[in-house]
Amino acid sequence: MSTRRNDRALALACGALFGTGVCVSGMVRPSKILAFLDLRGDWDPSLLLVMGAALALQAVAWGIVRRMRAPVLGGRFPGPSTGGIDARLAGGAALFGVGWGLGGFCPGPAMVSTVSGATGSLVFVASMAAGMLGYQWLDAVAGKQDEAMTPDAKDAS
């Protein structure tokens, strides 16, 4: 099996694990998310357990990755971020929060939810895709290229 095939198999396995996790946790149900955000009504704190588990797992993974010289599957680790909070970051965070609160979806769980064919998830994902394309278009018009949105030449093959 080639390395590229192994990478794809690993990506598929990770995606399946993620999809299973968000389904089991209820994160694919907007009602669950909206109940978590409804602090004055019938608040559902169970999402805190999901977030806490994700944070703990990320802390362990980050501790392992910090000691590594290179990623296991090749390539290199990205450099440090600029570290600054600018208008683009604040605007993106605000837009994400508004979308999460209105739609009851995070991007990943929304993608998983499209399998159900539910109209809400399909509309959310279509809107999310339109927003991503709009961002790329505006960036190109402004003459900027966001490094995170531009694939490396070696990845394009």
C-alpha atoms as a PDB file:
ATOM      1  CA  MET A   1       0.000   0.000   0.000  1.00  0.00           C
ATOM      2  CA  SER A   2       1.450   3.363  -0.968  1.00  0.00           C
ATOM      3  CA  THR A   3       2.055   6.161   1.511  1.00  0.00           C
ATOM      4  CA  ARG A   4      -0.647   8.292  -0.107  1.00  0.00           C
ATOM      5  CA  ARG A   5      -3.094   5.405   0.250  1.00  0.00           C
ATOM      6  CA  ASN A   6      -2.104   4.998   3.904  1.00  0.00           C
ATOM      7  CA  ASP A   7      -2.678   8.721   4.460  1.00  0.00           C
ATOM      8  CA  ARG A   8      -6.133   8.464   2.932  1.00  0.00           C
ATOM      9  CA  ALA A   9      -7.000   5.374   4.973  1.00  0.00           C
ATOM     10  CA  LEU A  10      -5.889   7.152   8.141  1.00  0.00           C
ATOM     11  CA  ALA A  11      -7.896  10.258   7.175  1.00  0.00           C
ATOM     12  CA  LEU A  12     -10.963   8.083   6.561  1.00  0.00           C
ATOM     13  CA  ALA A  13     -10.538   6.338   9.920  1.00  0.00           C
ATOM     14  CA  CYS A  14     -10.122   9.668  11.750  1.00  0.00           C
ATOM     15  CA  GLY A  15     -13.158  11.095   9.963  1.00  0.00           C
ATOM     16  CA  ALA A  16     -15.243   8.055  10.867  1.00  0.00           C
ATOM     17  CA  LEU A  17     -14.144   8.320  14.499  1.00  0.00           C
ATOM     18  CA  PHE A  18     -15.000  12.035  14.539  1.00  0.00           C
ATOM     19  CA  GLY A  19     -18.379  11.401  12.901  1.00  0.00           C
ATOM     20  CA  THR A  20     -19.190   8.691  15.417  1.00  0.00           C
ATOM     21  CA  GLY A  21     -18.173  10.951  18.291  1.00  0.00           C
ATOM     22  CA  VAL A  22     -20.329  13.886  17.228  1.00  0.00           C
ATOM     23  CA  CYS A  23     -23.287  11.582  16.615  1.00  0.00           C
ATOM     24  CA  VAL A  24     -22.972   9.873  20.010  1.00  0.00           C
ATOM     25  CA  SER A  25     -22.532  13.233  21.790  1.00  0.00           C
ATOM     26  CA  GLY A  26     -25.588  14.696  20.063  1.00  0.00           C
ATOM     27  CA  MET A  27     -23.643  17.541  18.446  1.00  0.00           C
ATOM     28  CA  VAL A  28     -25.347  16.835  15.101  1.00  0.00           C
ATOM     29  CA  ARG A  29     -28.673  17.866  16.624  1.00  0.00           C
ATOM     30  CA  PRO A  30     -29.138  21.642  16.609  1.00  0.00           C
ATOM     31  CA  SER A  31     -31.610  21.300  19.498  1.00  0.00           C
ATOM     32  CA  LYS A  32     -28.779  19.962  21.686  1.00  0.00           C
ATOM     33  CA  ILE A  33     -26.492  22.894  20.814  1.00  0.00           C
ATOM     34  CA  LEU A  34     -29.237  25.491  21.223  1.00  0.00           C
ATOM     35  CA  ALA A  35     -30.192  23.996  24.610  1.00  0.00           C
ATOM     36  CA  PHE A  36     -26.556  24.366  25.683  1.00  0.00           C
ATOM     37  CA  LEU A  37     -26.573  28.026  24.616  1.00  0.00           C
ATOM     38  CA  ASP A  38     -29.923  28.735  26.328  1.00  0.00           C
ATOM     39  CA  LEU A  39     -28.633  29.783  29.753  1.00  0.00           C
ATOM     40  CA  ARG A  40     -31.933  31.337  30.852  1.00  0.00           C
ATOM     41  CA  GLY A  41     -34.212  28.548  29.673  1.00  0.00           C
ATOM     42  CA  ASP A  42     -33.918  24.781  29.740  1.00  0.00           C
ATOM     43  CA  TRP A  43     -30.097  24.725  29.831  1.00  0.00           C
ATOM     44  CA  ASP A  44     -28.413  21.427  28.896  1.00  0.00           C
ATOM     45  CA  PRO A  45     -24.872  21.361  30.354  1.00  0.00           C
ATOM     46  CA  SER A  46     -23.982  17.955  28.848  1.00  0.00           C
ATOM     47  CA  LEU A  47     -22.041  19.619  26.030  1.00  0.00           C
ATOM     48  CA  LEU A  48     -19.545  20.763  28.661  1.00  0.00           C
ATOM     49  CA  LEU A  49     -18.504  17.111  29.040  1.00  0.00           C
ATOM     50  CA  VAL A  50     -17.896  16.847  25.297  1.00  0.00           C
ATOM     51  CA  MET A  51     -15.883  20.066  25.272  1.00  0.00           C
ATOM     52  CA  GLY A  52     -13.945  19.053  28.377  1.00  0.00           C
ATOM     53  CA  ALA A  53     -13.058  15.666  26.908  1.00  0.00           C
ATOM     54  CA  ALA A  54     -11.956  17.312  23.653  1.00  0.00           C
ATOM     55  CA  LEU A  55      -9.817  19.815  25.556  1.00  0.00           C
ATOM     56  CA  ALA A  56      -8.186  17.083  27.649  1.00  0.00           C
ATOM     57  CA  LEU A  57      -7.430  14.992  24.571  1.00  0.00           C
ATOM     58  CA  GLN A  58      -5.994  18.035  22.786  1.00  0.00           C
ATOM     59  CA  ALA A  59      -3.769  18.834  25.786  1.00  0.00           C
ATOM     60  CA  VAL A  60      -2.352  15.294  25.750  1.00  0.00           C
ATOM     61  CA  ALA A  61      -1.863  15.363  21.966  1.00  0.00           C
ATOM     62  CA  TRP A  62      -0.195  18.786  22.125  1.00  0.00           C
ATOM     63  CA  GLY A  63       2.206  17.495  24.787  1.00  0.00           C
ATOM     64  CA  ILE A  64       3.210  14.625  22.498  1.00  0.00           C
ATOM     65  CA  VAL A  65       3.513  16.772  19.370  1.00  0.00           C
ATOM     66  CA  ARG A  66       5.689  19.384  21.131  1.00  0.00           C
ATOM     67  CA  ARG A  67       8.388  16.718  21.631  1.00  0.00           C
ATOM     68  CA  MET A  68       8.340  15.595  17.988  1.00  0.00           C
ATOM     69  CA  ARG A  69      10.779  16.901  15.394  1.00  0.00           C
ATOM     70  CA  ALA A  70       8.455  16.243  12.404  1.00  0.00           C
ATOM     71  CA  PRO A  71       4.924  14.932  11.782  1.00  0.00           C
ATOM     72  CA  VAL A  72       4.617  11.140  11.687  1.00  0.00           C
ATOM     73  CA  LEU A  73       3.185  11.146   8.162  1.00  0.00           C
ATOM     74  CA  GLY A  74       5.827  13.471   6.745  1.00  0.00           C
ATOM     75  CA  GLY A  75       5.968  17.108   5.857  1.00  0.00           C
ATOM     76  CA  ARG A  76       6.655  19.717   8.469  1.00  0.00           C
ATOM     77  CA  PHE A  77       4.848  21.462  11.271  1.00  0.00           C
ATOM     78  CA  PRO A  78       3.502  24.933  10.496  1.00  0.00           C
ATOM     79  CA  GLY A  79       5.400  27.888  11.904  1.00  0.00           C
ATOM     80  CA  PRO A  80       4.107  29.973  14.779  1.00  0.00           C
ATOM     81  CA  SER A  81       1.122  32.199  14.135  1.00  0.00           C
ATOM     82  CA  THR A  82       1.448  35.958  14.195  1.00  0.00           C
ATOM     83  CA  GLY A  83      -0.169  35.851  17.607  1.00  0.00           C
ATOM     84  CA  GLY A  84      -2.014  39.102  17.012  1.00  0.00           C
ATOM     85  CA  ILE A  85      -5.733  39.635  17.309  1.00  0.00           C
ATOM     86  CA  ASP A  86      -6.816  41.659  14.304  1.00  0.00           C
ATOM     87  CA  ALA A  87     -10.114  42.647  12.699  1.00  0.00           C
ATOM     88  CA  ARG A  88     -10.159  39.544  10.474  1.00  0.00           C
ATOM     89  CA  LEU A  89      -9.761  37.215  13.455  1.00  0.00           C
ATOM     90  CA  ALA A  90     -12.345  39.038  15.569  1.00  0.00           C
ATOM     91  CA  GLY A  91     -14.781  39.242  12.650  1.00  0.00           C
ATOM     92  CA  GLY A  92     -14.364  35.558  11.834  1.00  0.00           C
ATOM     93  CA  ALA A  93     -14.853  34.562  15.472  1.00  0.00           C
ATOM     94  CA  ALA A  94     -17.979  36.710  15.717  1.00  0.00           C
ATOM     95  CA  LEU A  95     -19.365  35.275  12.479  1.00  0.00           C
ATOM     96  CA  PHE A  96     -18.664  31.736  13.715  1.00  0.00           C
ATOM     97  CA  GLY A  97     -20.425  32.456  17.023  1.00  0.00           C
ATOM     98  CA  VAL A  98     -23.463  33.971  15.354  1.00  0.00           C
ATOM     99  CA  GLY A  99     -23.696  31.027  12.938  1.00  0.00           C
ATOM    100  CA  TRP A 100     -23.353  28.548  15.800  1.00  0.00           C
ATOM    101  CA  GLY A 101     -26.024  30.301  17.852  1.00  0.00           C
ATOM    102  CA  LEU A 102     -28.497  30.741  14.997  1.00  0.00           C
ATOM    103  CA  GLY A 103     -27.988  27.438  13.214  1.00  0.00           C
ATOM    104  CA  GLY A 104     -27.037  25.196  16.119  1.00  0.00           C
ATOM    105  CA  PHE A 105     -24.167  23.670  14.128  1.00  0.00           C
ATOM    106  CA  CYS A 106     -20.397  23.710  14.212  1.00  0.00           C
ATOM    107  CA  PRO A 107     -18.819  23.100  10.792  1.00  0.00           C
ATOM    108  CA  GLY A 108     -17.704  19.501  11.437  1.00  0.00           C
ATOM    109  CA  PRO A 109     -20.929  18.218  12.975  1.00  0.00           C
ATOM    110  CA  ALA A 110     -22.888  20.049  10.257  1.00  0.00           C
ATOM    111  CA  MET A 111     -20.976  18.107   7.595  1.00  0.00           C
ATOM    112  CA  VAL A 112     -21.732  14.846   9.417  1.00  0.00           C
ATOM    113  CA  SER A 113     -25.396  15.826   9.735  1.00  0.00           C
ATOM    114  CA  THR A 114     -25.788  16.266   5.959  1.00  0.00           C
ATOM    115  CA  VAL A 115     -25.838  12.472   5.685  1.00  0.00           C
ATOM    116  CA  SER A 116     -29.296  12.580   7.276  1.00  0.00           C
ATOM    117  CA  GLY A 117     -30.539  14.852   4.492  1.00  0.00           C
ATOM    118  CA  ALA A 118     -32.070  17.252   7.032  1.00  0.00           C
ATOM    119  CA  THR A 119     -32.877  20.545   5.341  1.00  0.00           C
ATOM    120  CA  GLY A 120     -31.334  22.609   8.151  1.00  0.00           C
ATOM    121  CA  SER A 121     -27.950  20.933   7.879  1.00  0.00           C
ATOM    122  CA  LEU A 122     -27.975  21.157   4.072  1.00  0.00           C
ATOM    123  CA  VAL A 123     -28.780  24.882   4.194  1.00  0.00           C
ATOM    124  CA  PHE A 124     -26.119  25.468   6.864  1.00  0.00           C
ATOM    125  CA  VAL A 125     -23.398  23.627   4.908  1.00  0.00           C
ATOM    126  CA  ALA A 126     -24.344  25.392   1.666  1.00  0.00           C
ATOM    127  CA  SER A 127     -24.185  28.739   3.470  1.00  0.00           C
ATOM    128  CA  MET A 128     -20.861  27.808   5.033  1.00  0.00           C
ATOM    129  CA  ALA A 129     -19.441  26.845   1.628  1.00  0.00           C
ATOM    130  CA  ALA A 130     -20.700  30.118   0.128  1.00  0.00           C
ATOM    131  CA  GLY A 131     -19.015  32.014   2.957  1.00  0.00           C
ATOM    132  CA  MET A 132     -15.715  30.193   2.382  1.00  0.00           C
ATOM    133  CA  LEU A 133     -15.837  30.870  -1.343  1.00  0.00           C
ATOM    134  CA  GLY A 134     -16.763  34.497  -0.674  1.00  0.00           C
ATOM    135  CA  TYR A 135     -13.804  34.849   1.688  1.00  0.00           C
ATOM    136  CA  GLN A 136     -11.415  33.449  -0.920  1.00  0.00           C
ATOM    137  CA  TRP A 137     -12.862  35.719  -3.598  1.00  0.00           C
ATOM    138  CA  LEU A 138     -12.614  38.835  -1.421  1.00  0.00           C
ATOM    139  CA  ASP A 139      -9.072  37.897  -0.430  1.00  0.00           C
ATOM    140  CA  ALA A 140      -8.104  37.481  -4.091  1.00  0.00           C
ATOM    141  CA  VAL A 141      -9.734  40.790  -5.022  1.00  0.00           C
ATOM    142  CA  ALA A 142      -7.888  42.517  -2.190  1.00  0.00           C
ATOM    143  CA  GLY A 143      -4.630  40.964  -3.443  1.00  0.00           C
ATOM    144  CA  LYS A 144      -4.061  38.956  -0.289  1.00  0.00           C
ATOM    145  CA  GLN A 145      -3.528  35.242  -0.042  1.00  0.00           C
ATOM    146  CA  ASP A 146      -4.147  33.618   3.302  1.00  0.00           C
ATOM    147  CA  GLU A 147      -1.421  31.003   3.788  1.00  0.00           C
ATOM    148  CA  ALA A 148      -3.838  28.598   5.468  1.00  0.00           C
ATOM    149  CA  MET A 149      -6.128  28.697   2.420  1.00  0.00           C
ATOM    150  CA  THR A 150      -3.381  28.217  -0.183  1.00  0.00           C
ATOM    151  CA  PRO A 151      -2.203  24.605  -0.658  1.00  0.00           C
ATOM    152  CA  ASP A 152       1.502  23.930  -0.985  1.00  0.00           C
ATOM    153  CA  ALA A 153       2.663  23.021  -4.467  1.00  0.00           C
ATOM    154  CA  LYS A 154       3.606  19.542  -3.272  1.00  0.00           C
ATOM    155  CA  ASP A 155       0.101  19.000  -1.841  1.00  0.00           C
ATOM    156  CA  ALA A 156      -1.529  19.881  -5.157  1.00  0.00           C
ATOM    157  CA  SER A 157      -0.135  16.793  -6.896  1.00  0.00           C
END
